[in-house]
Amino acid sequence: MPVMINLTSAAHGGTSLACGTHEGCGVNCTCGCPYTGMEERGLVEAIADVEQRYPNQWLAFVIPPGEDDYTPERGMLVVHSYDDSEVFEAITRITHNQIVHVYYNGALEQYMDSLEV
């Protein structure tokens, strides 16, 4: 499994072990979730830079506050793989309060070719 960081703990960007354990977690919470810690810890980067490192792979980002949820320019890469099922399984372990952006970083034709056996 290509999970890059522990997605269910403060290690994924939070500043507290209580991250994601509170009902009211979100953009303005104080539990230490990635919304309040990923920028502080330097885990957010330009998505365009990440795309150059992982062409023709599935990418999943946690999106920081202030970014457009549908077309973000910056995010925290949490998982990447050539296998979409690995990425979708990995994101099921992200805490409930995160905005996640998942997509294939390549041409549709290349993806369709990879499906053919």
PDB file of N, CA and C in Angstrom:
ATOM      1  N   MET A   1       0.854  -1.182   0.000  1.00  0.00           N
ATOM      2  CA  MET A   1       0.000   0.000   0.000  1.00  0.00           C
ATOM      3  C   MET A   1       0.896   1.239   0.000  1.00  0.00           C
ATOM      4  N   PRO A   2       0.667   2.172  -0.892  1.00  0.00           N
ATOM      5  CA  PRO A   2       1.545   3.327  -1.019  1.00  0.00           C
ATOM      6  C   PRO A   2       1.177   4.503  -0.108  1.00  0.00           C
ATOM      7  N   VAL A   3       0.636   4.240   1.075  1.00  0.00           N
ATOM      8  CA  VAL A   3       0.272   5.341   1.963  1.00  0.00           C
ATOM      9  C   VAL A   3       1.551   6.021   2.428  1.00  0.00           C
ATOM     10  N   MET A   4       1.622   7.314   2.241  1.00  0.00           N
ATOM     11  CA  MET A   4       2.839   8.054   2.528  1.00  0.00           C
ATOM     12  C   MET A   4       2.964   8.430   3.998  1.00  0.00           C
ATOM     13  N   ILE A   5       1.832   8.710   4.641  1.00  0.00           N
ATOM     14  CA  ILE A   5       1.849   9.115   6.038  1.00  0.00           C
ATOM     15  C   ILE A   5       0.668   8.481   6.744  1.00  0.00           C
ATOM     16  N   ASN A   6       0.746   8.386   8.058  1.00  0.00           N
ATOM     17  CA  ASN A   6      -0.342   7.812   8.837  1.00  0.00           C
ATOM     18  C   ASN A   6      -1.551   8.742   8.761  1.00  0.00           C
ATOM     19  N   LEU A   7      -2.574   8.310   8.078  1.00  0.00           N
ATOM     20  CA  LEU A   7      -3.707   9.187   7.777  1.00  0.00           C
ATOM     21  C   LEU A   7      -4.707   9.307   8.915  1.00  0.00           C
ATOM     22  N   THR A   8      -4.554   8.541   9.965  1.00  0.00           N
ATOM     23  CA  THR A   8      -5.540   8.578  11.041  1.00  0.00           C
ATOM     24  C   THR A   8      -4.963   9.130  12.334  1.00  0.00           C
ATOM     25  N   SER A   9      -3.887   9.864  12.243  1.00  0.00           N
ATOM     26  CA  SER A   9      -3.293  10.430  13.446  1.00  0.00           C
ATOM     27  C   SER A   9      -2.785  11.839  13.166  1.00  0.00           C
ATOM     28  N   ALA A  10      -2.256  12.453  14.199  1.00  0.00           N
ATOM     29  CA  ALA A  10      -1.705  13.800  14.049  1.00  0.00           C
ATOM     30  C   ALA A  10      -0.529  13.819  13.085  1.00  0.00           C
ATOM     31  N   ALA A  11       0.061  12.672  12.776  1.00  0.00           N
ATOM     32  CA  ALA A  11       1.195  12.619  11.856  1.00  0.00           C
ATOM     33  C   ALA A  11       0.823  13.094  10.462  1.00  0.00           C
ATOM     34  N   HIS A  12      -0.456  13.130  10.116  1.00  0.00           N
ATOM     35  CA  HIS A  12      -0.841  13.558   8.780  1.00  0.00           C
ATOM     36  C   HIS A  12      -1.050  15.055   8.677  1.00  0.00           C
ATOM     37  N   GLY A  13      -0.506  15.792   9.596  1.00  0.00           N
ATOM     38  CA  GLY A  13      -0.543  17.246   9.477  1.00  0.00           C
ATOM     39  C   GLY A  13      -1.002  17.949  10.717  1.00  0.00           C
ATOM     40  N   GLY A  14      -1.575  17.226  11.631  1.00  0.00           N
ATOM     41  CA  GLY A  14      -2.069  17.843  12.856  1.00  0.00           C
ATOM     42  C   GLY A  14      -0.959  18.167  13.826  1.00  0.00           C
ATOM     43  N   THR A  15      -1.323  18.826  14.891  1.00  0.00           N
ATOM     44  CA  THR A  15      -0.351  19.217  15.907  1.00  0.00           C
ATOM     45  C   THR A  15      -0.667  18.583  17.249  1.00  0.00           C
ATOM     46  N   SER A  16      -1.656  17.704  17.286  1.00  0.00           N
ATOM     47  CA  SER A  16      -2.069  17.087  18.539  1.00  0.00           C
ATOM     48  C   SER A  16      -2.486  15.645  18.293  1.00  0.00           C
ATOM     49  N   LEU A  17      -2.272  14.775  19.282  1.00  0.00           N
ATOM     50  CA  LEU A  17      -2.715  13.388  19.152  1.00  0.00           C
ATOM     51  C   LEU A  17      -4.229  13.273  19.193  1.00  0.00           C
ATOM     52  N   ALA A  18      -4.922  14.338  19.604  1.00  0.00           N
ATOM     53  CA  ALA A  18      -6.379  14.339  19.637  1.00  0.00           C
ATOM     54  C   ALA A  18      -6.987  14.631  18.274  1.00  0.00           C
ATOM     55  N   CYS A  19      -6.136  14.843  17.282  1.00  0.00           N
ATOM     56  CA  CYS A  19      -6.592  15.187  15.939  1.00  0.00           C
ATOM     57  C   CYS A  19      -7.657  14.229  15.439  1.00  0.00           C
ATOM     58  N   GLY A  20      -8.759  14.781  14.987  1.00  0.00           N
ATOM     59  CA  GLY A  20      -9.817  13.996  14.377  1.00  0.00           C
ATOM     60  C   GLY A  20     -10.693  13.244  15.348  1.00  0.00           C
ATOM     61  N   THR A  21     -10.498  13.455  16.630  1.00  0.00           N
ATOM     62  CA  THR A  21     -11.273  12.709  17.622  1.00  0.00           C
ATOM     63  C   THR A  21     -12.456  13.492  18.153  1.00  0.00           C
ATOM     64  N   HIS A  22     -12.592  14.721  17.762  1.00  0.00           N
ATOM     65  CA  HIS A  22     -13.684  15.565  18.246  1.00  0.00           C
ATOM     66  C   HIS A  22     -14.787  15.672  17.206  1.00  0.00           C
ATOM     67  N   GLU A  23     -15.995  15.775  17.676  1.00  0.00           N
ATOM     68  CA  GLU A  23     -17.154  15.895  16.788  1.00  0.00           C
ATOM     69  C   GLU A  23     -17.091  17.170  15.953  1.00  0.00           C
ATOM     70  N   GLY A  24     -16.582  18.236  16.523  1.00  0.00           N
ATOM     71  CA  GLY A  24     -16.585  19.525  15.844  1.00  0.00           C
ATOM     72  C   GLY A  24     -15.337  19.828  15.042  1.00  0.00           C
ATOM     73  N   CYS A  25     -14.574  18.803  14.662  1.00  0.00           N
ATOM     74  CA  CYS A  25     -13.350  19.052  13.902  1.00  0.00           C
ATOM     75  C   CYS A  25     -13.672  19.740  12.576  1.00  0.00           C
ATOM     76  N   GLY A  26     -12.809  20.618  12.176  1.00  0.00           N
ATOM     77  CA  GLY A  26     -12.998  21.318  10.915  1.00  0.00           C
ATOM     78  C   GLY A  26     -12.065  22.498  10.809  1.00  0.00           C
ATOM     79  N   VAL A  27     -12.373  23.397   9.935  1.00  0.00           N
ATOM     80  CA  VAL A  27     -11.487  24.512   9.619  1.00  0.00           C
ATOM     81  C   VAL A  27     -11.116  25.340  10.846  1.00  0.00           C
ATOM     82  N   ASN A  28     -12.059  25.559  11.753  1.00  0.00           N
ATOM     83  CA  ASN A  28     -11.787  26.421  12.899  1.00  0.00           C
ATOM     84  C   ASN A  28     -11.617  25.672  14.216  1.00  0.00           C
ATOM     85  N   CYS A  29     -11.411  24.372  14.190  1.00  0.00           N
ATOM     86  CA  CYS A  29     -11.308  23.609  15.430  1.00  0.00           C
ATOM     87  C   CYS A  29      -9.952  23.842  16.092  1.00  0.00           C
ATOM     88  N   THR A  30      -9.823  23.386  17.320  1.00  0.00           N
ATOM     89  CA  THR A  30      -8.572  23.526  18.061  1.00  0.00           C
ATOM     90  C   THR A  30      -7.995  22.173  18.465  1.00  0.00           C
ATOM     91  N   CYS A  31      -8.440  21.096  17.809  1.00  0.00           N
ATOM     92  CA  CYS A  31      -7.981  19.753  18.193  1.00  0.00           C
ATOM     93  C   CYS A  31      -6.611  19.423  17.622  1.00  0.00           C
ATOM     94  N   GLY A  32      -6.106  20.221  16.714  1.00  0.00           N
ATOM     95  CA  GLY A  32      -4.799  19.956  16.119  1.00  0.00           C
ATOM     96  C   GLY A  32      -4.876  19.185  14.823  1.00  0.00           C
ATOM     97  N   CYS A  33      -6.020  19.190  14.162  1.00  0.00           N
ATOM     98  CA  CYS A  33      -6.146  18.461  12.910  1.00  0.00           C
ATOM     99  C   CYS A  33      -5.359  19.165  11.801  1.00  0.00           C
ATOM    100  N   PRO A  34      -5.221  18.534  10.643  1.00  0.00           N
ATOM    101  CA  PRO A  34      -4.451  19.163   9.567  1.00  0.00           C
ATOM    102  C   PRO A  34      -4.903  20.562   9.181  1.00  0.00           C
ATOM    103  N   TYR A  35      -6.191  20.857   9.365  1.00  0.00           N
ATOM    104  CA  TYR A  35      -6.636  22.209   9.038  1.00  0.00           C
ATOM    105  C   TYR A  35      -5.897  23.245   9.860  1.00  0.00           C
ATOM    106  N   THR A  36      -5.516  22.876  11.066  1.00  0.00           N
ATOM    107  CA  THR A  36      -4.830  23.843  11.919  1.00  0.00           C
ATOM    108  C   THR A  36      -3.336  23.580  11.995  1.00  0.00           C
ATOM    109  N   GLY A  37      -2.828  22.554  11.309  1.00  0.00           N
ATOM    110  CA  GLY A  37      -1.422  22.227  11.443  1.00  0.00           C
ATOM    111  C   GLY A  37      -0.640  21.961  10.178  1.00  0.00           C
ATOM    112  N   MET A  38      -1.294  21.614   9.067  1.00  0.00           N
ATOM    113  CA  MET A  38      -0.511  21.213   7.894  1.00  0.00           C
ATOM    114  C   MET A  38       0.312  22.344   7.318  1.00  0.00           C
ATOM    115  N   GLU A  39      -0.197  23.557   7.336  1.00  0.00           N
ATOM    116  CA  GLU A  39       0.581  24.706   6.855  1.00  0.00           C
ATOM    117  C   GLU A  39       1.747  24.964   7.813  1.00  0.00           C
ATOM    118  N   GLU A  40       1.440  24.957   9.100  1.00  0.00           N
ATOM    119  CA  GLU A  40       2.443  25.222  10.130  1.00  0.00           C
ATOM    120  C   GLU A  40       3.605  24.239  10.060  1.00  0.00           C
ATOM    121  N   ARG A  41       3.315  23.001   9.723  1.00  0.00           N
ATOM    122  CA  ARG A  41       4.342  21.970   9.671  1.00  0.00           C
ATOM    123  C   ARG A  41       5.026  21.883   8.309  1.00  0.00           C
ATOM    124  N   GLY A  42       4.639  22.736   7.366  1.00  0.00           N
ATOM    125  CA  GLY A  42       5.290  22.772   6.063  1.00  0.00           C
ATOM    126  C   GLY A  42       4.948  21.591   5.167  1.00  0.00           C
ATOM    127  N   LEU A  43       3.746  21.040   5.307  1.00  0.00           N
ATOM    128  CA  LEU A  43       3.352  19.866   4.543  1.00  0.00           C
ATOM    129  C   LEU A  43       2.542  20.191   3.290  1.00  0.00           C
ATOM    130  N   VAL A  44       2.255  21.465   3.067  1.00  0.00           N
ATOM    131  CA  VAL A  44       1.462  21.884   1.919  1.00  0.00           C
ATOM    132  C   VAL A  44       2.411  22.340   0.812  1.00  0.00           C
ATOM    133  N   GLU A  45       2.130  21.905  -0.415  1.00  0.00           N
ATOM    134  CA  GLU A  45       2.960  22.326  -1.547  1.00  0.00           C
ATOM    135  C   GLU A  45       2.085  22.547  -2.779  1.00  0.00           C
ATOM    136  N   ALA A  46       2.685  23.125  -3.790  1.00  0.00           N
ATOM    137  CA  ALA A  46       1.959  23.384  -5.037  1.00  0.00           C
ATOM    138  C   ALA A  46       1.629  22.051  -5.707  1.00  0.00           C
ATOM    139  N   ILE A  47       0.369  21.880  -6.068  1.00  0.00           N
ATOM    140  CA  ILE A  47      -0.063  20.640  -6.706  1.00  0.00           C
ATOM    141  C   ILE A  47       0.657  20.442  -8.043  1.00  0.00           C
ATOM    142  N   ALA A  48       0.922  21.509  -8.761  1.00  0.00           N
ATOM    143  CA  ALA A  48       1.629  21.405 -10.044  1.00  0.00           C
ATOM    144  C   ALA A  48       3.016  20.784  -9.866  1.00  0.00           C
ATOM    145  N   ASP A  49       3.688  21.093  -8.756  1.00  0.00           N
ATOM    146  CA  ASP A  49       5.004  20.507  -8.492  1.00  0.00           C
ATOM    147  C   ASP A  49       4.892  19.005  -8.238  1.00  0.00           C
ATOM    148  N   VAL A  50       3.874  18.608  -7.511  1.00  0.00           N
ATOM    149  CA  VAL A  50       3.658  17.187  -7.215  1.00  0.00           C
ATOM    150  C   VAL A  50       3.324  16.428  -8.501  1.00  0.00           C
ATOM    151  N   GLU A  51       2.510  17.028  -9.347  1.00  0.00           N
ATOM    152  CA  GLU A  51       2.140  16.389 -10.612  1.00  0.00           C
ATOM    153  C   GLU A  51       3.361  16.076 -11.466  1.00  0.00           C
ATOM    154  N   GLN A  52       4.354  16.932 -11.439  1.00  0.00           N
ATOM    155  CA  GLN A  52       5.576  16.691 -12.212  1.00  0.00           C
ATOM    156  C   GLN A  52       6.351  15.486 -11.678  1.00  0.00           C
ATOM    157  N   ARG A  53       6.279  15.245 -10.378  1.00  0.00           N
ATOM    158  CA  ARG A  53       6.990  14.111  -9.771  1.00  0.00           C
ATOM    159  C   ARG A  53       6.293  12.778  -9.999  1.00  0.00           C
ATOM    160  N   TYR A  54       4.979  12.789 -10.172  1.00  0.00           N
ATOM    161  CA  TYR A  54       4.205  11.548 -10.261  1.00  0.00           C
ATOM    162  C   TYR A  54       3.297  11.525 -11.495  1.00  0.00           C
ATOM    163  N   PRO A  55       3.871  11.564 -12.694  1.00  0.00           N
ATOM    164  CA  PRO A  55       3.032  11.521 -13.896  1.00  0.00           C
ATOM    165  C   PRO A  55       2.359  10.154 -14.033  1.00  0.00           C
ATOM    166  N   ASN A  56       1.185  10.165 -14.614  1.00  0.00           N
ATOM    167  CA  ASN A  56       0.434   8.939 -14.908  1.00  0.00           C
ATOM    168  C   ASN A  56       0.151   8.106 -13.666  1.00  0.00           C
ATOM    169  N   GLN A  57      -0.046   8.774 -12.543  1.00  0.00           N
ATOM    170  CA  GLN A  57      -0.423   8.094 -11.307  1.00  0.00           C
ATOM    171  C   GLN A  57      -1.680   8.731 -10.732  1.00  0.00           C
ATOM    172  N   TRP A  58      -2.336   7.992  -9.867  1.00  0.00           N
ATOM    173  CA  TRP A  58      -3.452   8.519  -9.091  1.00  0.00           C
ATOM    174  C   TRP A  58      -2.870   9.278  -7.913  1.00  0.00           C
ATOM    175  N   LEU A  59      -3.401  10.474  -7.644  1.00  0.00           N
ATOM    176  CA  LEU A  59      -2.928  11.325  -6.555  1.00  0.00           C
ATOM    177  C   LEU A  59      -4.092  11.644  -5.624  1.00  0.00           C
ATOM    178  N   ALA A  60      -3.801  11.711  -4.330  1.00  0.00           N
ATOM    179  CA  ALA A  60      -4.810  12.136  -3.349  1.00  0.00           C
ATOM    180  C   ALA A  60      -4.174  13.185  -2.446  1.00  0.00           C
ATOM    181  N   PHE A  61      -4.843  14.313  -2.342  1.00  0.00           N
ATOM    182  CA  PHE A  61      -4.389  15.431  -1.519  1.00  0.00           C
ATOM    183  C   PHE A  61      -5.420  15.744  -0.449  1.00  0.00           C
ATOM    184  N   VAL A  62      -4.955  16.169   0.727  1.00  0.00           N
ATOM    185  CA  VAL A  62      -5.818  16.830   1.695  1.00  0.00           C
ATOM    186  C   VAL A  62      -5.656  18.313   1.393  1.00  0.00           C
ATOM    187  N   ILE A  63      -6.785  19.000   1.257  1.00  0.00           N
ATOM    188  CA  ILE A  63      -6.785  20.396   0.832  1.00  0.00           C
ATOM    189  C   ILE A  63      -6.848  21.321   2.045  1.00  0.00           C
ATOM    190  N   PRO A  64      -5.938  22.297   2.133  1.00  0.00           N
ATOM    191  CA  PRO A  64      -5.933  23.215   3.284  1.00  0.00           C
ATOM    192  C   PRO A  64      -7.039  24.263   3.175  1.00  0.00           C
ATOM    193  N   PRO A  65      -7.357  24.895   4.284  1.00  0.00           N
ATOM    194  CA  PRO A  65      -8.365  25.956   4.252  1.00  0.00           C
ATOM    195  C   PRO A  65      -7.932  27.089   3.339  1.00  0.00           C
ATOM    196  N   GLY A  66      -8.897  27.707   2.707  1.00  0.00           N
ATOM    197  CA  GLY A  66      -8.613  28.821   1.814  1.00  0.00           C
ATOM    198  C   GLY A  66      -8.428  28.412   0.366  1.00  0.00           C
ATOM    199  N   GLU A  67      -8.241  27.136   0.111  1.00  0.00           N
ATOM    200  CA  GLU A  67      -8.117  26.645  -1.263  1.00  0.00           C
ATOM    201  C   GLU A  67      -9.502  26.300  -1.799  1.00  0.00           C
ATOM    202  N   ASP A  68      -9.662  26.422  -3.102  1.00  0.00           N
ATOM    203  CA  ASP A  68     -10.898  26.017  -3.758  1.00  0.00           C
ATOM    204  C   ASP A  68     -11.018  24.495  -3.640  1.00  0.00           C
ATOM    205  N   ASP A  69     -12.128  24.021  -3.108  1.00  0.00           N
ATOM    206  CA  ASP A  69     -12.319  22.584  -2.912  1.00  0.00           C
ATOM    207  C   ASP A  69     -12.330  21.807  -4.223  1.00  0.00           C
ATOM    208  N   TYR A  70     -12.700  22.443  -5.324  1.00  0.00           N
ATOM    209  CA  TYR A  70     -12.848  21.753  -6.604  1.00  0.00           C
ATOM    210  C   TYR A  70     -11.637  21.899  -7.512  1.00  0.00           C
ATOM    211  N   THR A  71     -10.937  23.013  -7.431  1.00  0.00           N
ATOM    212  CA  THR A  71      -9.738  23.232  -8.247  1.00  0.00           C
ATOM    213  C   THR A  71      -8.625  23.830  -7.381  1.00  0.00           C
ATOM    214  N   PRO A  72      -8.144  23.071  -6.418  1.00  0.00           N
ATOM    215  CA  PRO A  72      -7.101  23.608  -5.534  1.00  0.00           C
ATOM    216  C   PRO A  72      -5.767  23.763  -6.260  1.00  0.00           C
ATOM    217  N   GLU A  73      -5.000  24.723  -5.823  1.00  0.00           N
ATOM    218  CA  GLU A  73      -3.658  24.922  -6.366  1.00  0.00           C
ATOM    219  C   GLU A  73      -2.589  24.363  -5.437  1.00  0.00           C
ATOM    220  N   ARG A  74      -2.955  24.201  -4.154  1.00  0.00           N
ATOM    221  CA  ARG A  74      -2.012  23.688  -3.161  1.00  0.00           C
ATOM    222  C   ARG A  74      -2.693  22.609  -2.325  1.00  0.00           C
ATOM    223  N   GLY A  75      -1.884  21.679  -1.832  1.00  0.00           N
ATOM    224  CA  GLY A  75      -2.423  20.631  -0.990  1.00  0.00           C
ATOM    225  C   GLY A  75      -1.318  19.821  -0.350  1.00  0.00           C
ATOM    226  N   MET A  76      -1.727  18.869   0.486  1.00  0.00           N
ATOM    227  CA  MET A  76      -0.795  17.958   1.140  1.00  0.00           C
ATOM    228  C   MET A  76      -0.993  16.576   0.521  1.00  0.00           C
ATOM    229  N   LEU A  77       0.001  16.098  -0.224  1.00  0.00           N
ATOM    230  CA  LEU A  77      -0.085  14.785  -0.844  1.00  0.00           C
ATOM    231  C   LEU A  77      -0.074  13.728   0.240  1.00  0.00           C
ATOM    232  N   VAL A  78      -1.096  12.853   0.248  1.00  0.00           N
ATOM    233  CA  VAL A  78      -1.154  11.808   1.257  1.00  0.00           C
ATOM    234  C   VAL A  78      -0.962  10.421   0.681  1.00  0.00           C
ATOM    235  N   VAL A  79      -1.222  10.248  -0.618  1.00  0.00           N
ATOM    236  CA  VAL A  79      -1.023   8.937  -1.234  1.00  0.00           C
ATOM    237  C   VAL A  79      -0.930   9.110  -2.749  1.00  0.00           C
ATOM    238  N   HIS A  80      -0.127   8.243  -3.383  1.00  0.00           N
ATOM    239  CA  HIS A  80      -0.045   8.207  -4.843  1.00  0.00           C
ATOM    240  C   HIS A  80       0.221   6.778  -5.262  1.00  0.00           C
ATOM    241  N   SER A  81      -0.272   6.401  -6.432  1.00  0.00           N
ATOM    242  CA  SER A  81      -0.065   5.040  -6.927  1.00  0.00           C
ATOM    243  C   SER A  81      -0.512   4.964  -8.374  1.00  0.00           C
ATOM    244  N   TYR A  82       0.028   3.961  -9.082  1.00  0.00           N
ATOM    245  CA  TYR A  82      -0.464   3.668 -10.430  1.00  0.00           C
ATOM    246  C   TYR A  82      -1.796   2.925 -10.352  1.00  0.00           C
ATOM    247  N   ASP A  83      -2.096   2.351  -9.206  1.00  0.00           N
ATOM    248  CA  ASP A  83      -3.299   1.546  -8.997  1.00  0.00           C
ATOM    249  C   ASP A  83      -4.364   2.358  -8.266  1.00  0.00           C
ATOM    250  N   ASP A  84      -5.468   2.664  -8.941  1.00  0.00           N
ATOM    251  CA  ASP A  84      -6.510   3.478  -8.326  1.00  0.00           C
ATOM    252  C   ASP A  84      -7.118   2.828  -7.092  1.00  0.00           C
ATOM    253  N   SER A  85      -7.218   1.508  -7.064  1.00  0.00           N
ATOM    254  CA  SER A  85      -7.826   0.847  -5.907  1.00  0.00           C
ATOM    255  C   SER A  85      -6.973   1.048  -4.653  1.00  0.00           C
ATOM    256  N   GLU A  86      -5.656   1.113  -4.795  1.00  0.00           N
ATOM    257  CA  GLU A  86      -4.798   1.379  -3.638  1.00  0.00           C
ATOM    258  C   GLU A  86      -5.046   2.776  -3.085  1.00  0.00           C
ATOM    259  N   VAL A  87      -5.206   3.741  -3.972  1.00  0.00           N
ATOM    260  CA  VAL A  87      -5.441   5.118  -3.530  1.00  0.00           C
ATOM    261  C   VAL A  87      -6.802   5.235  -2.858  1.00  0.00           C
ATOM    262  N   PHE A  88      -7.839   4.663  -3.463  1.00  0.00           N
ATOM    263  CA  PHE A  88      -9.173   4.776  -2.875  1.00  0.00           C
ATOM    264  C   PHE A  88      -9.271   4.023  -1.553  1.00  0.00           C
ATOM    265  N   GLU A  89      -8.545   2.927  -1.408  1.00  0.00           N
ATOM    266  CA  GLU A  89      -8.538   2.241  -0.114  1.00  0.00           C
ATOM    267  C   GLU A  89      -7.828   3.098   0.931  1.00  0.00           C
ATOM    268  N   ALA A  90      -6.718   3.700   0.550  1.00  0.00           N
ATOM    269  CA  ALA A  90      -5.958   4.518   1.492  1.00  0.00           C
ATOM    270  C   ALA A  90      -6.768   5.701   1.998  1.00  0.00           C
ATOM    271  N   ILE A  91      -7.529   6.349   1.131  1.00  0.00           N
ATOM    272  CA  ILE A  91      -8.250   7.540   1.579  1.00  0.00           C
ATOM    273  C   ILE A  91      -9.405   7.206   2.507  1.00  0.00           C
ATOM    274  N   THR A  92      -9.807   5.952   2.594  1.00  0.00           N
ATOM    275  CA  THR A  92     -10.845   5.597   3.572  1.00  0.00           C
ATOM    276  C   THR A  92     -10.322   5.736   4.997  1.00  0.00           C
ATOM    277  N   ARG A  93      -9.018   5.858   5.144  1.00  0.00           N
ATOM    278  CA  ARG A  93      -8.426   5.995   6.470  1.00  0.00           C
ATOM    279  C   ARG A  93      -8.152   7.439   6.860  1.00  0.00           C
ATOM    280  N   ILE A  94      -8.518   8.379   6.024  1.00  0.00           N
ATOM    281  CA  ILE A  94      -8.341   9.792   6.352  1.00  0.00           C
ATOM    282  C   ILE A  94      -9.434  10.194   7.334  1.00  0.00           C
ATOM    283  N   THR A  95      -9.075  10.993   8.319  1.00  0.00           N
ATOM    284  CA  THR A  95     -10.068  11.408   9.306  1.00  0.00           C
ATOM    285  C   THR A  95     -11.245  12.095   8.635  1.00  0.00           C
ATOM    286  N   HIS A  96     -12.390  11.976   9.263  1.00  0.00           N
ATOM    287  CA  HIS A  96     -13.669  12.391   8.670  1.00  0.00           C
ATOM    288  C   HIS A  96     -13.762  13.859   8.307  1.00  0.00           C
ATOM    289  N   ASN A  97     -12.947  14.699   8.881  1.00  0.00           N
ATOM    290  CA  ASN A  97     -13.103  16.141   8.700  1.00  0.00           C
ATOM    291  C   ASN A  97     -12.227  16.734   7.610  1.00  0.00           C
ATOM    292  N   GLN A  98     -11.650  15.908   6.754  1.00  0.00           N
ATOM    293  CA  GLN A  98     -10.729  16.417   5.744  1.00  0.00           C
ATOM    294  C   GLN A  98     -11.395  16.571   4.375  1.00  0.00           C
ATOM    295  N   ILE A  99     -10.960  17.577   3.635  1.00  0.00           N
ATOM    296  CA  ILE A  99     -11.377  17.735   2.248  1.00  0.00           C
ATOM    297  C   ILE A  99     -10.311  17.042   1.412  1.00  0.00           C
ATOM    298  N   VAL A 100     -10.728  16.054   0.633  1.00  0.00           N
ATOM    299  CA  VAL A 100      -9.789  15.229  -0.125  1.00  0.00           C
ATOM    300  C   VAL A 100     -10.030  15.435  -1.618  1.00  0.00           C
ATOM    301  N   HIS A 101      -8.947  15.570  -2.349  1.00  0.00           N
ATOM    302  CA  HIS A 101      -8.991  15.759  -3.802  1.00  0.00           C
ATOM    303  C   HIS A 101      -8.248  14.581  -4.421  1.00  0.00           C
ATOM    304  N   VAL A 102      -8.945  13.755  -5.217  1.00  0.00           N
ATOM    305  CA  VAL A 102      -8.363  12.551  -5.817  1.00  0.00           C
ATOM    306  C   VAL A 102      -8.571  12.610  -7.321  1.00  0.00           C
ATOM    307  N   TYR A 103      -7.516  12.285  -8.087  1.00  0.00           N
ATOM    308  CA  TYR A 103      -7.650  12.282  -9.542  1.00  0.00           C
ATOM    309  C   TYR A 103      -6.486  11.540 -10.187  1.00  0.00           C
ATOM    310  N   TYR A 104      -6.665  11.215 -11.461  1.00  0.00           N
ATOM    311  CA  TYR A 104      -5.611  10.588 -12.252  1.00  0.00           C
ATOM    312  C   TYR A 104      -4.792  11.689 -12.901  1.00  0.00           C
ATOM    313  N   ASN A 105      -3.492  11.659 -12.722  1.00  0.00           N
ATOM    314  CA  ASN A 105      -2.586  12.678 -13.226  1.00  0.00           C
ATOM    315  C   ASN A 105      -1.952  12.221 -14.543  1.00  0.00           C
ATOM    316  N   GLY A 106      -2.750  12.146 -15.574  1.00  0.00           N
ATOM    317  CA  GLY A 106      -2.246  11.735 -16.877  1.00  0.00           C
ATOM    318  C   GLY A 106      -3.342  11.809 -17.910  1.00  0.00           C
ATOM    319  N   ALA A 107      -3.009  11.396 -19.102  1.00  0.00           N
ATOM    320  CA  ALA A 107      -3.970  11.421 -20.203  1.00  0.00           C
ATOM    321  C   ALA A 107      -4.965  10.275 -20.054  1.00  0.00           C
ATOM    322  N   LEU A 108      -6.199  10.522 -20.414  1.00  0.00           N
ATOM    323  CA  LEU A 108      -7.247   9.509 -20.329  1.00  0.00           C
ATOM    324  C   LEU A 108      -6.869   8.262 -21.125  1.00  0.00           C
ATOM    325  N   GLU A 109      -6.262   8.453 -22.283  1.00  0.00           N
ATOM    326  CA  GLU A 109      -5.881   7.314 -23.122  1.00  0.00           C
ATOM    327  C   GLU A 109      -4.893   6.399 -22.397  1.00  0.00           C
ATOM    328  N   GLN A 110      -3.946   7.000 -21.689  1.00  0.00           N
ATOM    329  CA  GLN A 110      -2.965   6.199 -20.942  1.00  0.00           C
ATOM    330  C   GLN A 110      -3.652   5.406 -19.838  1.00  0.00           C
ATOM    331  N   TYR A 111      -4.588   6.034 -19.160  1.00  0.00           N
ATOM    332  CA  TYR A 111      -5.314   5.340 -18.103  1.00  0.00           C
ATOM    333  C   TYR A 111      -6.134   4.185 -18.677  1.00  0.00           C
ATOM    334  N   MET A 112      -6.817   4.430 -19.763  1.00  0.00           N
ATOM    335  CA  MET A 112      -7.645   3.390 -20.374  1.00  0.00           C
ATOM    336  C   MET A 112      -6.761   2.237 -20.863  1.00  0.00           C
ATOM    337  N   ASP A 113      -5.591   2.545 -21.411  1.00  0.00           N
ATOM    338  CA  ASP A 113      -4.657   1.509 -21.844  1.00  0.00           C
ATOM    339  C   ASP A 113      -4.203   0.643 -20.672  1.00  0.00           C
ATOM    340  N   SER A 114      -4.055   1.257 -19.497  1.00  0.00           N
ATOM    341  CA  SER A 114      -3.614   0.501 -18.331  1.00  0.00           C
ATOM    342  C   SER A 114      -4.673  -0.474 -17.831  1.00  0.00           C
ATOM    343  N   LEU A 115      -5.923  -0.248 -18.202  1.00  0.00           N
ATOM    344  CA  LEU A 115      -7.017  -1.127 -17.795  1.00  0.00           C
ATOM    345  C   LEU A 115      -7.126  -2.372 -18.651  1.00  0.00           C
ATOM    346  N   GLU A 116      -6.593  -2.292 -19.862  1.00  0.00           N
ATOM    347  CA  GLU A 116      -6.673  -3.411 -20.774  1.00  0.00           C
ATOM    348  C   GLU A 116      -5.677  -4.489 -20.387  1.00  0.00           C
ATOM    349  N   VAL A 117      -6.153  -5.706 -20.386  1.00  0.00           N
ATOM    350  CA  VAL A 117      -5.285  -6.835 -20.009  1.00  0.00           C
ATOM    351  C   VAL A 117      -5.057  -7.732 -21.184  1.00  0.00           C
TER     352      VAL A 117
END
